[in-house]
């Protein structure tokens, strides 16, 4: 059905061996211009199916396996579409992204790049091996082992920078930016410079992005905008409205009905947010809940209209 996205969603049965790395598998028959909602992670999209995902963004169209920095889709400027799309989507904490990718998130700056431009022929080999795998769990195991090797061999970020990032994420964006430098014993200038060069965005932008992500998932869970503004650290409802519009190009009421966010906590159940409750009420099961290897719980299908 053109215009109705039917999603098969698969989740790994085991956590990644790398902290800060999460994965989900997607199979979508007909994806019609779905707005990409910005997220505080580096996104790696590994496609392997008969079709190919297409991202329409300011720089034009991007196809195939893709890589994007934190804040992909800011302003609602990125749309995903395609037919018969099959992919493993990986979310990387900016703290581990540089080691795994062999490039700093700062080089991405919220843009989308082809994985082939970064990894060359390795990107084609990954596509072939994912396509040859017999189940989602095999694909997850292959992807995890591949990225874990990169993580072990690559450079780590400064402990102070990692601590500041985890402090921001752990507080849902409520950490006081001006206090981060004092807490790690650095000057403000030094922390800002190292944070930006190693993670790809300045601390103030990181705080706003993490706070928005937390607020957006509370909106999807069915909480009212006034309540979300109060608990998520916004000065008032107008402040929430401005931030949501800046990150998505739409109002909080529209964000609350975004299919991409509704499926988010199904694909990433470790988030610990309450969005799953509302997502379940807005979806219809269209498959048995068995994966392509026949194991219960390997994949679930949902239809969004």
Protein backbone atom coordinates (compact mmCIF):
# COMPACT_ATOMS: atom_id res chain seq x y z
CA UNK A 1 0.00 0.00 0.00
CA UNK A 2 1.74 3.14 -1.17
CA UNK A 3 1.72 5.74 1.56
CA UNK A 4 1.32 3.23 4.41
CA UNK A 5 4.58 2.02 5.89
CA UNK A 6 4.49 -1.63 6.93
CA UNK A 7 7.46 -2.25 9.20
CA UNK A 8 9.09 -5.50 10.22
CA UNK A 9 11.17 -4.62 13.26
CA UNK A 10 13.83 -6.90 14.75
CA UNK A 11 15.85 -6.42 17.94
CA UNK A 12 19.02 -8.19 19.06
CA UNK A 13 18.52 -10.89 21.65
CA UNK A 14 21.82 -9.97 23.31
CA UNK A 15 23.32 -6.58 24.15
CA UNK A 16 26.30 -5.35 22.18
CA UNK A 17 29.76 -6.08 23.51
CA UNK A 18 30.44 -2.34 23.10
CA UNK A 19 28.82 0.09 25.54
CA UNK A 20 27.04 2.87 23.66
CA UNK A 21 26.27 0.74 20.57
CA UNK A 22 22.68 -0.31 19.85
CA UNK A 23 21.10 -1.90 16.79
CA UNK A 24 17.74 -2.68 15.23
CA UNK A 25 16.71 -4.36 11.99
CA UNK A 26 14.09 -2.97 9.63
CA UNK A 27 12.26 -4.34 6.62
CA UNK A 28 9.87 -1.88 4.97
CA UNK A 29 8.00 -2.66 1.76
CA UNK A 30 6.92 0.85 0.86
CA UNK A 31 8.40 3.80 2.70
CA UNK A 32 6.88 7.05 1.53
CA UNK A 33 8.82 10.20 2.49
CA UNK A 34 9.11 9.61 6.23
CA UNK A 35 10.50 12.54 8.20
CA UNK A 36 13.75 11.68 10.01
CA UNK A 37 13.57 13.02 13.56
CA UNK A 38 16.91 14.17 14.93
CA UNK A 39 18.59 12.00 17.57
CA UNK A 40 21.67 12.47 19.81
CA UNK A 41 23.71 9.68 18.23
CA UNK A 42 25.79 8.92 15.19
CA UNK A 43 23.61 6.86 12.85
CA UNK A 44 24.98 4.06 10.69
CA UNK A 45 22.56 2.56 8.16
CA UNK A 46 23.68 -0.77 6.64
CA UNK A 47 21.38 -1.80 3.81
CA UNK A 48 21.47 -5.20 2.14
CA UNK A 49 18.10 -5.91 0.51
CA UNK A 50 16.75 -5.91 -3.01
CA UNK A 51 15.70 -2.30 -2.64
CA UNK A 52 17.66 0.66 -1.38
CA UNK A 53 16.84 3.42 1.12
CA UNK A 54 16.93 6.98 -0.20
CA UNK A 55 17.49 10.01 2.01
CA UNK A 56 16.42 13.34 0.58
CA UNK A 57 18.38 16.12 2.28
CA UNK A 58 19.71 19.59 1.61
CA UNK A 59 22.74 18.23 -0.23
CA UNK A 60 20.57 16.10 -2.52
CA UNK A 61 19.80 12.39 -2.56
CA UNK A 62 21.85 9.80 -0.72
CA UNK A 63 21.39 6.08 -1.42
CA UNK A 64 22.62 2.81 0.00
CA UNK A 65 24.53 2.40 3.26
CA UNK A 66 24.85 5.73 4.99
CA UNK A 67 26.45 7.49 7.91
CA UNK A 68 25.16 10.61 9.66
CA UNK A 69 26.35 12.69 12.57
CA UNK A 70 24.38 13.70 15.67
CA UNK A 71 21.43 15.91 14.84
CA UNK A 72 20.54 14.30 11.50
CA UNK A 73 17.26 15.77 10.27
CA UNK A 74 17.37 19.05 12.22
CA UNK A 75 14.63 21.36 11.02
CA UNK A 76 12.76 18.46 9.41
CA UNK A 77 15.03 18.72 6.39
CA UNK A 78 15.69 14.99 5.85
CA UNK A 79 13.16 12.46 4.53
CA UNK A 80 13.62 8.72 4.08
CA UNK A 81 11.87 6.73 1.36
CA UNK A 82 12.23 3.59 -0.70
CA UNK A 83 10.71 0.24 -1.60
CA UNK A 84 11.68 -3.19 -0.27
CA UNK A 85 14.17 -1.64 2.12
CA UNK A 86 16.10 -3.99 4.40
CA UNK A 87 18.73 -2.62 6.73
CA UNK A 88 20.47 -2.79 10.07
CA UNK A 89 20.41 0.59 11.75
CA UNK A 90 23.14 1.22 14.29
CA UNK A 91 23.19 4.02 16.82
CA UNK A 92 26.61 4.97 18.14
CA UNK A 93 27.23 7.17 21.11
CA UNK A 94 29.49 10.02 19.91
CA UNK A 95 31.93 8.86 22.60
CA UNK A 96 32.68 5.62 20.69
CA UNK A 97 31.97 6.76 17.14
CA UNK A 98 35.46 8.03 16.31
CA UNK A 99 37.11 4.75 17.27
CA UNK A 100 34.61 2.60 15.37
CA UNK A 101 34.33 4.69 12.22
CA UNK A 102 37.92 5.82 11.86
CA UNK A 103 36.65 9.39 11.52
CA UNK A 104 35.56 12.04 13.98
CA UNK A 105 31.85 12.89 14.27
CA UNK A 106 33.02 16.48 13.86
CA UNK A 107 33.79 15.66 10.23
CA UNK A 108 30.13 14.74 9.69
CA UNK A 109 28.64 17.90 11.22
CA UNK A 110 25.06 16.60 11.00
CA UNK A 111 25.41 15.69 7.34
CA UNK A 112 24.83 12.38 5.54
CA UNK A 113 27.68 10.60 3.78
CA UNK A 114 27.91 7.36 1.87
CA UNK A 115 29.60 4.54 3.77
CA UNK A 116 31.45 3.67 0.57
CA UNK A 117 33.09 7.11 0.64
CA UNK A 118 34.38 6.37 4.13
CA UNK A 119 35.19 2.64 4.00
CA UNK A 120 35.59 1.99 0.28
CA UNK A 121 35.22 -1.64 -0.81
CA UNK A 122 34.58 -2.72 2.77
CA UNK A 123 31.08 -1.23 2.46
CA UNK A 124 30.26 -3.62 -0.42
CA UNK A 125 31.62 -6.59 1.51
CA UNK A 126 29.45 -5.72 4.50
CA UNK A 127 26.39 -5.51 2.28
CA UNK A 128 27.07 -8.94 0.80
CA UNK A 129 27.61 -10.60 4.16
CA UNK A 130 24.47 -9.10 5.65
CA UNK A 131 22.51 -10.31 2.63
CA UNK A 132 23.96 -13.82 2.95
CA UNK A 133 23.07 -14.10 6.66
CA UNK A 134 20.13 -16.42 7.36
CA UNK A 135 18.52 -14.44 10.21
CA UNK A 136 18.41 -11.08 11.89
CA UNK A 137 20.31 -12.44 14.87
CA UNK A 138 23.14 -13.54 12.58
CA UNK A 139 23.20 -10.07 11.04
CA UNK A 140 23.35 -8.46 14.46
CA UNK A 141 26.18 -10.77 15.53
CA UNK A 142 28.17 -10.00 12.37
CA UNK A 143 27.63 -6.25 12.71
CA UNK A 144 28.52 -6.25 16.39
CA UNK A 145 31.73 -8.20 15.84
CA UNK A 146 32.73 -5.91 12.97
CA UNK A 147 32.19 -2.71 14.93
CA UNK A 148 33.72 -4.12 18.12
CA UNK A 149 36.98 -4.76 16.25
CA UNK A 150 37.01 -1.14 15.13
CA UNK A 151 36.32 0.03 18.65
CA UNK A 152 39.23 -1.96 20.06
CA UNK A 153 41.66 -0.64 17.47
CA UNK A 154 40.53 2.98 17.27
CA UNK A 155 41.43 6.04 19.38
CA UNK A 156 39.39 6.85 22.47
CA UNK A 157 38.12 10.28 23.45
CA UNK A 158 39.44 12.13 26.49
CA UNK A 159 37.97 10.75 29.75
CA UNK A 160 36.87 14.27 30.67
CA UNK A 161 34.97 14.62 27.40
CA UNK A 162 33.34 11.20 27.84
CA UNK A 163 32.34 12.11 31.40
CA UNK A 164 30.76 15.38 30.26
CA UNK A 165 28.77 13.58 27.54
CA UNK A 166 27.49 10.92 29.94
CA UNK A 167 26.61 13.64 32.45
CA UNK A 168 24.49 15.39 29.80
CA UNK A 169 22.77 12.16 28.69
CA UNK A 170 22.23 10.90 32.23
CA UNK A 171 20.51 14.15 33.20
CA UNK A 172 18.28 14.10 30.07
CA UNK A 173 19.82 17.40 29.07
CA UNK A 174 19.32 19.09 32.43
CA UNK A 175 23.02 19.37 33.27
CA UNK A 176 24.25 22.94 33.64
CA UNK A 177 26.60 23.56 30.75
CA UNK A 178 28.63 26.19 32.59
CA UNK A 179 29.32 23.74 35.40
CA UNK A 180 30.68 20.88 33.27
CA UNK A 181 34.15 22.36 32.85
CA UNK A 182 34.51 23.05 36.57
CA UNK A 183 33.40 19.50 37.38
CA UNK A 184 36.15 17.96 35.23
CA UNK A 185 38.77 20.50 36.31
CA UNK A 186 39.25 22.05 32.87
CA UNK A 187 38.81 25.57 31.58
CA UNK A 188 35.61 26.25 29.71
CA UNK A 189 37.56 26.95 26.52
CA UNK A 190 39.45 23.67 26.71
CA UNK A 191 36.36 21.54 27.32
CA UNK A 192 34.39 23.29 24.56
CA UNK A 193 37.24 22.76 22.08
CA UNK A 194 37.87 19.10 22.92
CA UNK A 195 34.15 18.27 23.15
CA UNK A 196 33.44 19.80 19.72
CA UNK A 197 36.46 18.23 17.99
CA UNK A 198 35.95 14.74 19.45
CA UNK A 199 32.15 14.40 19.60
CA UNK A 200 31.06 16.58 16.71
CA UNK A 201 28.98 19.21 18.50
CA UNK A 202 29.52 21.77 21.28
CA UNK A 203 28.23 21.05 24.81
CA UNK A 204 25.38 23.55 24.59
CA UNK A 205 24.11 21.96 21.39
CA UNK A 206 24.45 18.51 22.98
CA UNK A 207 22.34 19.60 25.95
CA UNK A 208 19.60 20.97 23.70
CA UNK A 209 19.59 17.85 21.52
CA UNK A 210 19.44 15.41 24.44
CA UNK A 211 16.72 17.46 26.16
CA UNK A 212 14.69 17.58 22.94
CA UNK A 213 15.01 13.81 22.43
CA UNK A 214 13.72 13.15 25.94
CA UNK A 215 10.84 15.59 25.48
CA UNK A 216 9.87 14.21 22.07
CA UNK A 217 9.52 10.68 23.42
CA UNK A 218 7.38 11.91 26.30
CA UNK A 219 5.12 13.63 23.76
CA UNK A 220 4.83 10.37 21.80
CA UNK A 221 3.96 8.60 25.06
CA UNK A 222 0.85 10.79 25.26
CA UNK A 223 1.93 13.40 27.81
CA UNK A 224 0.67 16.93 27.28
CA UNK A 225 3.00 19.66 26.07
CA UNK A 226 2.68 21.68 29.29
CA UNK A 227 3.61 18.67 31.44
CA UNK A 228 6.51 17.75 29.17
CA UNK A 229 7.83 21.30 29.23
CA UNK A 230 7.79 21.28 33.02
CA UNK A 231 9.52 17.92 33.57
CA UNK A 232 11.98 18.22 30.68
CA UNK A 233 13.53 21.47 31.89
CA UNK A 234 11.98 24.03 29.54
CA UNK A 235 11.14 27.45 30.94
CA UNK A 236 7.57 27.19 29.63
CA UNK A 237 5.47 25.60 26.90
CA UNK A 238 6.52 28.24 24.37
CA UNK A 239 10.16 27.32 24.96
CA UNK A 240 9.33 23.65 24.23
CA UNK A 241 7.43 24.70 21.10
CA UNK A 242 10.41 26.70 19.80
CA UNK A 243 12.87 23.85 20.39
CA UNK A 244 10.65 21.20 18.82
CA UNK A 245 10.05 23.40 15.78
CA UNK A 246 13.77 24.13 15.43
CA UNK A 247 14.68 20.43 15.53
CA UNK A 248 11.79 19.02 13.47
CA UNK A 249 10.14 21.83 11.51
CA UNK A 250 6.74 20.93 13.04
CA UNK A 251 4.79 21.56 16.25
CA UNK A 252 4.82 19.37 19.39
CA UNK A 253 1.34 18.08 18.49
CA UNK A 254 2.61 16.87 15.12
CA UNK A 255 5.74 15.33 16.62
CA UNK A 256 3.54 13.31 18.99
CA UNK A 257 2.14 11.44 15.97
CA UNK A 258 5.40 10.85 14.12
CA UNK A 259 5.62 7.17 13.00
CA UNK A 260 9.42 7.26 13.20
CA UNK A 261 9.22 8.10 16.90
CA UNK A 262 6.34 5.72 17.58
CA UNK A 263 8.39 2.75 16.38
CA UNK A 264 11.49 4.03 18.16
CA UNK A 265 10.93 2.41 21.54
CA UNK A 266 9.88 -0.84 19.88
CA UNK A 267 13.14 -0.97 17.95
CA UNK A 268 15.22 0.33 20.87
CA UNK A 269 13.49 -1.09 23.98
CA UNK A 270 16.45 -0.31 26.24
CA UNK A 271 15.66 3.41 26.06
CA UNK A 272 13.50 3.07 29.17
CA UNK A 273 11.02 5.73 28.04
CA UNK A 274 7.24 5.24 28.18
CA UNK A 275 6.61 5.76 24.46
CA UNK A 276 6.01 2.04 23.89
CA UNK A 277 2.62 2.25 25.59
CA UNK A 278 1.22 4.73 23.13
CA UNK A 279 3.03 3.19 20.17
CA UNK A 280 1.33 -0.13 20.86
CA UNK A 281 -2.08 1.53 20.86
CA UNK A 282 -1.42 3.19 17.50
CA UNK A 283 -0.14 0.15 15.61
CA UNK A 284 -1.65 -3.00 14.21
CA UNK A 285 0.19 -6.32 14.15
CA UNK A 286 0.50 -7.58 10.60
CA UNK A 287 2.74 -10.60 11.17
CA UNK A 288 2.98 -13.49 13.57
CA UNK A 289 5.89 -12.12 15.57
CA UNK A 290 8.31 -14.73 14.25
CA UNK A 291 11.52 -13.76 12.53
CA UNK A 292 12.79 -15.01 9.23
CA UNK A 293 14.52 -17.87 11.05
CA UNK A 294 11.25 -18.91 12.73
CA UNK A 295 12.25 -17.94 16.27
CA UNK A 296 9.68 -16.27 18.48
CA UNK A 297 10.45 -12.63 19.17
CA UNK A 298 13.04 -12.19 16.40
CA UNK A 299 10.89 -9.75 14.47
CA UNK A 300 7.57 -8.02 14.86
CA UNK A 301 5.56 -6.21 12.23
CA UNK A 302 3.61 -3.00 12.62
CA UNK A 303 1.55 -0.93 10.24
CA UNK A 304 1.45 2.85 10.34
CA UNK A 305 -1.12 4.93 8.50
